[in-house]
Amino acid sequence: CGNGGTTADNEEAAKSIKVTVNGELAS
């Protein structure tokens, strides 16, 4: 999915996060 936003000088990455859920997206 790409860098999780740890590079401060990359404006796009700085606004991108990764999160988890414990079940599938069904619909």
mmCIF file of all heavy atoms, coordinates in Angstrom:
data_MODEL
# 
_entry.id   MODEL 
# 
loop_
_atom_site.group_PDB 
_atom_site.id 
_atom_site.type_symbol 
_atom_site.label_atom_id 
_atom_site.label_alt_id 
_atom_site.label_comp_id 
_atom_site.label_asym_id 
_atom_site.label_entity_id 
_atom_site.label_seq_id 
_atom_site.pdbx_PDB_ins_code 
_atom_site.Cartn_x 
_atom_site.Cartn_y 
_atom_site.Cartn_z 
_atom_site.occupancy 
_atom_site.B_iso_or_equiv 
_atom_site.pdbx_formal_charge 
_atom_site.auth_seq_id 
_atom_site.auth_comp_id 
_atom_site.auth_asym_id 
_atom_site.auth_atom_id 
_atom_site.pdbx_PDB_model_num 
ATOM 1   N N   . CYS A 1 1  ? 0.816   -1.207  0.000  1.00 0.00 ? 1  CYS A N   1 
ATOM 2   C CA  . CYS A 1 1  ? 0.000   0.000   0.000  1.00 0.00 ? 1  CYS A CA  1 
ATOM 3   C C   . CYS A 1 1  ? 0.851   1.259   0.000  1.00 0.00 ? 1  CYS A C   1 
ATOM 4   O O   . CYS A 1 1  ? 0.346   2.363   -0.179 1.00 0.00 ? 1  CYS A O   1 
ATOM 5   C CB  . CYS A 1 1  ? -0.916  0.029   1.232  1.00 0.00 ? 1  CYS A CB  1 
ATOM 6   S SG  . CYS A 1 1  ? -2.116  -1.312  1.243  1.00 0.00 ? 1  CYS A SG  1 
ATOM 7   N N   . GLY A 1 2  ? 2.163   1.111   0.261  1.00 0.00 ? 2  GLY A N   1 
ATOM 8   C CA  . GLY A 1 2  ? 3.030   2.286   0.273  1.00 0.00 ? 2  GLY A CA  1 
ATOM 9   C C   . GLY A 1 2  ? 3.395   2.672   1.680  1.00 0.00 ? 2  GLY A C   1 
ATOM 10  O O   . GLY A 1 2  ? 2.974   2.084   2.655  1.00 0.00 ? 2  GLY A O   1 
ATOM 11  N N   . ASN A 1 3  ? 4.227   3.709   1.815  1.00 0.00 ? 3  ASN A N   1 
ATOM 12  C CA  . ASN A 1 3  ? 4.685   4.191   3.114  1.00 0.00 ? 3  ASN A CA  1 
ATOM 13  C C   . ASN A 1 3  ? 3.522   4.701   3.934  1.00 0.00 ? 3  ASN A C   1 
ATOM 14  O O   . ASN A 1 3  ? 2.649   5.381   3.430  1.00 0.00 ? 3  ASN A O   1 
ATOM 15  C CB  . ASN A 1 3  ? 5.713   5.307   2.899  1.00 0.00 ? 3  ASN A CB  1 
ATOM 16  C CG  . ASN A 1 3  ? 6.399   5.690   4.195  1.00 0.00 ? 3  ASN A CG  1 
ATOM 17  O OD1 . ASN A 1 3  ? 5.767   6.214   5.092  1.00 0.00 ? 3  ASN A OD1 1 
ATOM 18  N ND2 . ASN A 1 3  ? 7.695   5.411   4.265  1.00 0.00 ? 3  ASN A ND2 1 
ATOM 19  N N   . GLY A 1 4  ? 3.511   4.398   5.218  1.00 0.00 ? 4  GLY A N   1 
ATOM 20  C CA  . GLY A 1 4  ? 2.391   4.748   6.082  1.00 0.00 ? 4  GLY A CA  1 
ATOM 21  C C   . GLY A 1 4  ? 2.428   6.132   6.636  1.00 0.00 ? 4  GLY A C   1 
ATOM 22  O O   . GLY A 1 4  ? 1.778   6.418   7.632  1.00 0.00 ? 4  GLY A O   1 
ATOM 23  N N   . GLY A 1 5  ? 3.209   7.037   6.062  1.00 0.00 ? 5  GLY A N   1 
ATOM 24  C CA  . GLY A 1 5  ? 3.171   8.408   6.532  1.00 0.00 ? 5  GLY A CA  1 
ATOM 25  C C   . GLY A 1 5  ? 4.297   8.743   7.468  1.00 0.00 ? 5  GLY A C   1 
ATOM 26  O O   . GLY A 1 5  ? 4.212   9.693   8.246  1.00 0.00 ? 5  GLY A O   1 
ATOM 27  N N   . THR A 1 6  ? 5.420   8.004   7.424  1.00 0.00 ? 6  THR A N   1 
ATOM 28  C CA  . THR A 1 6  ? 6.522   8.271   8.326  1.00 0.00 ? 6  THR A CA  1 
ATOM 29  C C   . THR A 1 6  ? 7.537   9.228   7.733  1.00 0.00 ? 6  THR A C   1 
ATOM 30  O O   . THR A 1 6  ? 8.456   9.643   8.410  1.00 0.00 ? 6  THR A O   1 
ATOM 31  C CB  . THR A 1 6  ? 7.224   6.953   8.691  1.00 0.00 ? 6  THR A CB  1 
ATOM 32  O OG1 . THR A 1 6  ? 7.688   6.322   7.487  1.00 0.00 ? 6  THR A OG1 1 
ATOM 33  C CG2 . THR A 1 6  ? 6.268   6.013   9.414  1.00 0.00 ? 6  THR A CG2 1 
ATOM 34  N N   . THR A 1 7  ? 7.404   9.609   6.471  1.00 0.00 ? 7  THR A N   1 
ATOM 35  C CA  . THR A 1 7  ? 8.332   10.524  5.834  1.00 0.00 ? 7  THR A CA  1 
ATOM 36  C C   . THR A 1 7  ? 7.772   11.929  5.871  1.00 0.00 ? 7  THR A C   1 
ATOM 37  O O   . THR A 1 7  ? 6.830   12.259  5.168  1.00 0.00 ? 7  THR A O   1 
ATOM 38  C CB  . THR A 1 7  ? 8.592   10.099  4.362  1.00 0.00 ? 7  THR A CB  1 
ATOM 39  O OG1 . THR A 1 7  ? 9.034   8.753   4.353  1.00 0.00 ? 7  THR A OG1 1 
ATOM 40  C CG2 . THR A 1 7  ? 9.633   10.992  3.735  1.00 0.00 ? 7  THR A CG2 1 
ATOM 41  N N   . ALA A 1 8  ? 8.397   12.775  6.701  1.00 0.00 ? 8  ALA A N   1 
ATOM 42  C CA  . ALA A 1 8  ? 7.817   14.089  6.957  1.00 0.00 ? 8  ALA A CA  1 
ATOM 43  C C   . ALA A 1 8  ? 7.885   15.004  5.750  1.00 0.00 ? 8  ALA A C   1 
ATOM 44  O O   . ALA A 1 8  ? 7.032   15.872  5.576  1.00 0.00 ? 8  ALA A O   1 
ATOM 45  C CB  . ALA A 1 8  ? 8.528   14.738  8.147  1.00 0.00 ? 8  ALA A CB  1 
ATOM 46  N N   . ASP A 1 9  ? 8.923   14.823  4.901  1.00 0.00 ? 9  ASP A N   1 
ATOM 47  C CA  . ASP A 1 9  ? 9.052   15.755  3.786  1.00 0.00 ? 9  ASP A CA  1 
ATOM 48  C C   . ASP A 1 9  ? 8.210   15.356  2.586  1.00 0.00 ? 9  ASP A C   1 
ATOM 49  O O   . ASP A 1 9  ? 8.230   16.001  1.550  1.00 0.00 ? 9  ASP A O   1 
ATOM 50  C CB  . ASP A 1 9  ? 10.521  15.895  3.367  1.00 0.00 ? 9  ASP A CB  1 
ATOM 51  C CG  . ASP A 1 9  ? 11.128  14.561  2.959  1.00 0.00 ? 9  ASP A CG  1 
ATOM 52  O OD1 . ASP A 1 9  ? 10.408  13.540  3.021  1.00 0.00 ? 9  ASP A OD1 1 
ATOM 53  O OD2 . ASP A 1 9  ? 12.319  14.545  2.594  1.00 0.00 ? 9  ASP A OD2 1 
ATOM 54  N N   . ASN A 1 10 ? 7.437   14.287  2.696  1.00 0.00 ? 10 ASN A N   1 
ATOM 55  C CA  . ASN A 1 10 ? 6.542   13.872  1.620  1.00 0.00 ? 10 ASN A CA  1 
ATOM 56  C C   . ASN A 1 10 ? 5.131   14.238  2.039  1.00 0.00 ? 10 ASN A C   1 
ATOM 57  O O   . ASN A 1 10 ? 4.521   13.573  2.869  1.00 0.00 ? 10 ASN A O   1 
ATOM 58  C CB  . ASN A 1 10 ? 6.657   12.359  1.407  1.00 0.00 ? 10 ASN A CB  1 
ATOM 59  C CG  . ASN A 1 10 ? 5.825   11.881  0.232  1.00 0.00 ? 10 ASN A CG  1 
ATOM 60  O OD1 . ASN A 1 10 ? 4.764   12.426  -0.051 1.00 0.00 ? 10 ASN A OD1 1 
ATOM 61  N ND2 . ASN A 1 10 ? 6.306   10.837  -0.427 1.00 0.00 ? 10 ASN A ND2 1 
ATOM 62  N N   . GLU A 1 11 ? 4.579   15.316  1.496  1.00 0.00 ? 11 GLU A N   1 
ATOM 63  C CA  . GLU A 1 11 ? 3.285   15.838  1.941  1.00 0.00 ? 11 GLU A CA  1 
ATOM 64  C C   . GLU A 1 11 ? 2.177   14.823  1.756  1.00 0.00 ? 11 GLU A C   1 
ATOM 65  O O   . GLU A 1 11 ? 1.324   14.656  2.613  1.00 0.00 ? 11 GLU A O   1 
ATOM 66  C CB  . GLU A 1 11 ? 2.950   17.116  1.174  1.00 0.00 ? 11 GLU A CB  1 
ATOM 67  C CG  . GLU A 1 11 ? 1.647   17.781  1.594  1.00 0.00 ? 11 GLU A CG  1 
ATOM 68  C CD  . GLU A 1 11 ? 1.676   18.264  3.031  1.00 0.00 ? 11 GLU A CD  1 
ATOM 69  O OE1 . GLU A 1 11 ? 2.773   18.498  3.557  1.00 0.00 ? 11 GLU A OE1 1 
ATOM 70  O OE2 . GLU A 1 11 ? 0.594   18.381  3.622  1.00 0.00 ? 11 GLU A OE2 1 
ATOM 71  N N   . GLU A 1 12 ? 2.216   14.089  0.634  1.00 0.00 ? 12 GLU A N   1 
ATOM 72  C CA  . GLU A 1 12 ? 1.152   13.105  0.386  1.00 0.00 ? 12 GLU A CA  1 
ATOM 73  C C   . GLU A 1 12 ? 1.225   11.985  1.412  1.00 0.00 ? 12 GLU A C   1 
ATOM 74  O O   . GLU A 1 12 ? 0.226   11.584  1.978  1.00 0.00 ? 12 GLU A O   1 
ATOM 75  C CB  . GLU A 1 12 ? 1.283   12.549  -1.025 1.00 0.00 ? 12 GLU A CB  1 
ATOM 76  C CG  . GLU A 1 12 ? 0.176   11.564  -1.365 1.00 0.00 ? 12 GLU A CG  1 
ATOM 77  C CD  . GLU A 1 12 ? 0.253   11.072  -2.803 1.00 0.00 ? 12 GLU A CD  1 
ATOM 78  O OE1 . GLU A 1 12 ? 1.095   11.582  -3.565 1.00 0.00 ? 12 GLU A OE1 1 
ATOM 79  O OE2 . GLU A 1 12 ? -0.541  10.177  -3.148 1.00 0.00 ? 12 GLU A OE2 1 
ATOM 80  N N   . ALA A 1 13 ? 2.445   11.478  1.694  1.00 0.00 ? 13 ALA A N   1 
ATOM 81  C CA  . ALA A 1 13 ? 2.588   10.397  2.655  1.00 0.00 ? 13 ALA A CA  1 
ATOM 82  C C   . ALA A 1 13 ? 2.195   10.845  4.049  1.00 0.00 ? 13 ALA A C   1 
ATOM 83  O O   . ALA A 1 13 ? 1.660   10.075  4.831  1.00 0.00 ? 13 ALA A O   1 
ATOM 84  C CB  . ALA A 1 13 ? 4.023   9.880   2.647  1.00 0.00 ? 13 ALA A CB  1 
ATOM 85  N N   . ALA A 1 14 ? 2.458   12.116  4.357  1.00 0.00 ? 14 ALA A N   1 
ATOM 86  C CA  . ALA A 1 14 ? 2.166   12.617  5.695  1.00 0.00 ? 14 ALA A CA  1 
ATOM 87  C C   . ALA A 1 14 ? 0.680   12.618  5.987  1.00 0.00 ? 14 ALA A C   1 
ATOM 88  O O   . ALA A 1 14 ? 0.269   12.708  7.140  1.00 0.00 ? 14 ALA A O   1 
ATOM 89  C CB  . ALA A 1 14 ? 2.732   14.022  5.863  1.00 0.00 ? 14 ALA A CB  1 
ATOM 90  N N   . LYS A 1 15 ? -0.130  12.542  4.947  1.00 0.00 ? 15 LYS A N   1 
ATOM 91  C CA  . LYS A 1 15 ? -1.575  12.526  5.140  1.00 0.00 ? 15 LYS A CA  1 
ATOM 92  C C   . LYS A 1 15 ? -2.181  11.160  4.819  1.00 0.00 ? 15 LYS A C   1 
ATOM 93  O O   . LYS A 1 15 ? -3.370  11.044  4.604  1.00 0.00 ? 15 LYS A O   1 
ATOM 94  C CB  . LYS A 1 15 ? -2.223  13.607  4.274  1.00 0.00 ? 15 LYS A CB  1 
ATOM 95  C CG  . LYS A 1 15 ? -1.731  15.027  4.571  1.00 0.00 ? 15 LYS A CG  1 
ATOM 96  C CD  . LYS A 1 15 ? -1.979  15.418  6.028  1.00 0.00 ? 15 LYS A CD  1 
ATOM 97  C CE  . LYS A 1 15 ? -1.499  16.826  6.296  1.00 0.00 ? 15 LYS A CE  1 
ATOM 98  N NZ  . LYS A 1 15 ? -1.657  17.221  7.706  1.00 0.00 ? 15 LYS A NZ  1 
ATOM 99  N N   . SER A 1 16 ? -1.327  10.133  4.799  1.00 0.00 ? 16 SER A N   1 
ATOM 100 C CA  . SER A 1 16 ? -1.790  8.781   4.509  1.00 0.00 ? 16 SER A CA  1 
ATOM 101 C C   . SER A 1 16 ? -1.532  7.899   5.722  1.00 0.00 ? 16 SER A C   1 
ATOM 102 O O   . SER A 1 16 ? -0.439  7.909   6.284  1.00 0.00 ? 16 SER A O   1 
ATOM 103 C CB  . SER A 1 16 ? -1.051  8.218   3.290  1.00 0.00 ? 16 SER A CB  1 
ATOM 104 O OG  . SER A 1 16 ? -1.387  6.864   3.068  1.00 0.00 ? 16 SER A OG  1 
ATOM 105 N N   . ILE A 1 17 ? -2.553  7.166   6.148  1.00 0.00 ? 17 ILE A N   1 
ATOM 106 C CA  . ILE A 1 17 ? -2.405  6.291   7.308  1.00 0.00 ? 17 ILE A CA  1 
ATOM 107 C C   . ILE A 1 17 ? -2.865  4.880   6.969  1.00 0.00 ? 17 ILE A C   1 
ATOM 108 O O   . ILE A 1 17 ? -3.561  4.667   5.978  1.00 0.00 ? 17 ILE A O   1 
ATOM 109 C CB  . ILE A 1 17 ? -3.214  6.818   8.514  1.00 0.00 ? 17 ILE A CB  1 
ATOM 110 C CG1 . ILE A 1 17 ? -4.724  6.822   8.202  1.00 0.00 ? 17 ILE A CG1 1 
ATOM 111 C CG2 . ILE A 1 17 ? -2.729  8.199   8.934  1.00 0.00 ? 17 ILE A CG2 1 
ATOM 112 C CD1 . ILE A 1 17 ? -5.601  7.116   9.402  1.00 0.00 ? 17 ILE A CD1 1 
ATOM 113 N N   . LYS A 1 18 ? -2.446  3.938   7.814  1.00 0.00 ? 18 LYS A N   1 
ATOM 114 C CA  . LYS A 1 18 ? -2.869  2.544   7.685  1.00 0.00 ? 18 LYS A CA  1 
ATOM 115 C C   . LYS A 1 18 ? -3.479  2.109   9.001  1.00 0.00 ? 18 LYS A C   1 
ATOM 116 O O   . LYS A 1 18 ? -2.939  2.377   10.076 1.00 0.00 ? 18 LYS A O   1 
ATOM 117 C CB  . LYS A 1 18 ? -1.692  1.642   7.323  1.00 0.00 ? 18 LYS A CB  1 
ATOM 118 C CG  . LYS A 1 18 ? -1.074  1.959   5.975  1.00 0.00 ? 18 LYS A CG  1 
ATOM 119 C CD  . LYS A 1 18 ? 0.040   0.977   5.651  1.00 0.00 ? 18 LYS A CD  1 
ATOM 120 C CE  . LYS A 1 18 ? 0.675   1.317   4.315  1.00 0.00 ? 18 LYS A CE  1 
ATOM 121 N NZ  . LYS A 1 18 ? 1.481   2.555   4.407  1.00 0.00 ? 18 LYS A NZ  1 
ATOM 122 N N   . VAL A 1 19 ? -4.613  1.418   8.917  1.00 0.00 ? 19 VAL A N   1 
ATOM 123 C CA  . VAL A 1 19 ? -5.345  1.001   10.107 1.00 0.00 ? 19 VAL A CA  1 
ATOM 124 C C   . VAL A 1 19 ? -5.815  -0.436  9.919  1.00 0.00 ? 19 VAL A C   1 
ATOM 125 O O   . VAL A 1 19 ? -5.879  -0.930  8.792  1.00 0.00 ? 19 VAL A O   1 
ATOM 126 C CB  . VAL A 1 19 ? -6.556  1.927   10.361 1.00 0.00 ? 19 VAL A CB  1 
ATOM 127 C CG1 . VAL A 1 19 ? -6.120  3.384   10.431 1.00 0.00 ? 19 VAL A CG1 1 
ATOM 128 C CG2 . VAL A 1 19 ? -7.629  1.753   9.290  1.00 0.00 ? 19 VAL A CG2 1 
ATOM 129 N N   . THR A 1 20 ? -6.147  -1.094  11.027 1.00 0.00 ? 20 THR A N   1 
ATOM 130 C CA  . THR A 1 20 ? -6.635  -2.467  10.933 1.00 0.00 ? 20 THR A CA  1 
ATOM 131 C C   . THR A 1 20 ? -8.072  -2.562  11.432 1.00 0.00 ? 20 THR A C   1 
ATOM 132 O O   . THR A 1 20 ? -8.535  -1.762  12.243 1.00 0.00 ? 20 THR A O   1 
ATOM 133 C CB  . THR A 1 20 ? -5.781  -3.444  11.762 1.00 0.00 ? 20 THR A CB  1 
ATOM 134 O OG1 . THR A 1 20 ? -5.850  -3.094  13.146 1.00 0.00 ? 20 THR A OG1 1 
ATOM 135 C CG2 . THR A 1 20 ? -4.340  -3.445  11.292 1.00 0.00 ? 20 THR A CG2 1 
ATOM 136 N N   . VAL A 1 21 ? -8.768  -3.566  10.934 1.00 0.00 ? 21 VAL A N   1 
ATOM 137 C CA  . VAL A 1 21 ? -10.067 -3.983  11.451 1.00 0.00 ? 21 VAL A CA  1 
ATOM 138 C C   . VAL A 1 21 ? -10.016 -5.500  11.572 1.00 0.00 ? 21 VAL A C   1 
ATOM 139 O O   . VAL A 1 21 ? -9.189  -6.160  10.949 1.00 0.00 ? 21 VAL A O   1 
ATOM 140 C CB  . VAL A 1 21 ? -11.226 -3.563  10.525 1.00 0.00 ? 21 VAL A CB  1 
ATOM 141 C CG1 . VAL A 1 21 ? -11.451 -2.067  10.581 1.00 0.00 ? 21 VAL A CG1 1 
ATOM 142 C CG2 . VAL A 1 21 ? -10.966 -4.006  9.089  1.00 0.00 ? 21 VAL A CG2 1 
ATOM 143 N N   . ASN A 1 22 ? -10.906 -6.075  12.399 1.00 0.00 ? 22 ASN A N   1 
ATOM 144 C CA  . ASN A 1 22 ? -10.812 -7.516  12.648 1.00 0.00 ? 22 ASN A CA  1 
ATOM 145 C C   . ASN A 1 22 ? -11.824 -8.343  11.865 1.00 0.00 ? 22 ASN A C   1 
ATOM 146 O O   . ASN A 1 22 ? -12.072 -9.495  12.199 1.00 0.00 ? 22 ASN A O   1 
ATOM 147 C CB  . ASN A 1 22 ? -10.938 -7.811  14.146 1.00 0.00 ? 22 ASN A CB  1 
ATOM 148 C CG  . ASN A 1 22 ? -12.261 -7.356  14.718 1.00 0.00 ? 22 ASN A CG  1 
ATOM 149 O OD1 . ASN A 1 22 ? -13.192 -7.031  13.982 1.00 0.00 ? 22 ASN A OD1 1 
ATOM 150 N ND2 . ASN A 1 22 ? -12.360 -7.326  16.040 1.00 0.00 ? 22 ASN A ND2 1 
ATOM 151 N N   . GLY A 1 23 ? -12.390 -7.749  10.818 1.00 0.00 ? 23 GLY A N   1 
ATOM 152 C CA  . GLY A 1 23 ? -13.320 -8.495  9.980  1.00 0.00 ? 23 GLY A CA  1 
ATOM 153 C C   . GLY A 1 23 ? -13.315 -7.963  8.565  1.00 0.00 ? 23 GLY A C   1 
ATOM 154 O O   . GLY A 1 23 ? -12.836 -6.850  8.293  1.00 0.00 ? 23 GLY A O   1 
ATOM 155 N N   . GLU A 1 24 ? -13.865 -8.748  7.653  1.00 0.00 ? 24 GLU A N   1 
ATOM 156 C CA  . GLU A 1 24 ? -13.904 -8.356  6.255  1.00 0.00 ? 24 GLU A CA  1 
ATOM 157 C C   . GLU A 1 24 ? -14.902 -7.228  6.009  1.00 0.00 ? 24 GLU A C   1 
ATOM 158 O O   . GLU A 1 24 ? -15.865 -7.060  6.746  1.00 0.00 ? 24 GLU A O   1 
ATOM 159 C CB  . GLU A 1 24 ? -14.300 -9.549  5.375  1.00 0.00 ? 24 GLU A CB  1 
ATOM 160 C CG  . GLU A 1 24 ? -13.402 -10.756 5.515  1.00 0.00 ? 24 GLU A CG  1 
ATOM 161 C CD  . GLU A 1 24 ? -13.917 -11.778 6.508  1.00 0.00 ? 24 GLU A CD  1 
ATOM 162 O OE1 . GLU A 1 24 ? -14.546 -11.369 7.515  1.00 0.00 ? 24 GLU A OE1 1 
ATOM 163 O OE2 . GLU A 1 24 ? -13.683 -12.977 6.300  1.00 0.00 ? 24 GLU A OE2 1 
ATOM 164 N N   . LEU A 1 25 ? -14.659 -6.472  4.961  1.00 0.00 ? 25 LEU A N   1 
ATOM 165 C CA  . LEU A 1 25 ? -15.659 -5.554  4.419  1.00 0.00 ? 25 LEU A CA  1 
ATOM 166 C C   . LEU A 1 25 ? -16.575 -6.397  3.542  1.00 0.00 ? 25 LEU A C   1 
ATOM 167 O O   . LEU A 1 25 ? -16.165 -6.922  2.514  1.00 0.00 ? 25 LEU A O   1 
ATOM 168 C CB  . LEU A 1 25 ? -14.982 -4.445  3.604  1.00 0.00 ? 25 LEU A CB  1 
ATOM 169 C CG  . LEU A 1 25 ? -15.891 -3.524  2.784  1.00 0.00 ? 25 LEU A CG  1 
ATOM 170 C CD1 . LEU A 1 25 ? -16.916 -2.831  3.669  1.00 0.00 ? 25 LEU A CD1 1 
ATOM 171 C CD2 . LEU A 1 25 ? -15.054 -2.491  2.031  1.00 0.00 ? 25 LEU A CD2 1 
ATOM 172 N N   . ALA A 1 26 ? -17.822 -6.535  3.973  1.00 0.00 ? 26 ALA A N   1 
ATOM 173 C CA  . ALA A 1 26 ? -18.741 -7.439  3.277  1.00 0.00 ? 26 ALA A CA  1 
ATOM 174 C C   . ALA A 1 26 ? -19.458 -6.752  2.127  1.00 0.00 ? 26 ALA A C   1 
ATOM 175 O O   . ALA A 1 26 ? -19.730 -7.371  1.096  1.00 0.00 ? 26 ALA A O   1 
ATOM 176 C CB  . ALA A 1 26 ? -19.764 -8.008  4.257  1.00 0.00 ? 26 ALA A CB  1 
ATOM 177 N N   . SER A 1 27 ? -19.786 -5.473  2.282  1.00 0.00 ? 27 SER A N   1 
ATOM 178 C CA  . SER A 1 27 ? -20.558 -4.772  1.261  1.00 0.00 ? 27 SER A CA  1 
ATOM 179 C C   . SER A 1 27 ? -20.467 -3.276  1.499  1.00 0.00 ? 27 SER A C   1 
ATOM 180 O O   . SER A 1 27 ? -20.273 -2.815  2.627  1.00 0.00 ? 27 SER A O   1 
ATOM 181 C CB  . SER A 1 27 ? -22.028 -5.212  1.307  1.00 0.00 ? 27 SER A CB  1 
ATOM 182 O OG  . SER A 1 27 ? -22.823 -4.429  0.432  1.00 0.00 ? 27 SER A OG  1 
# 
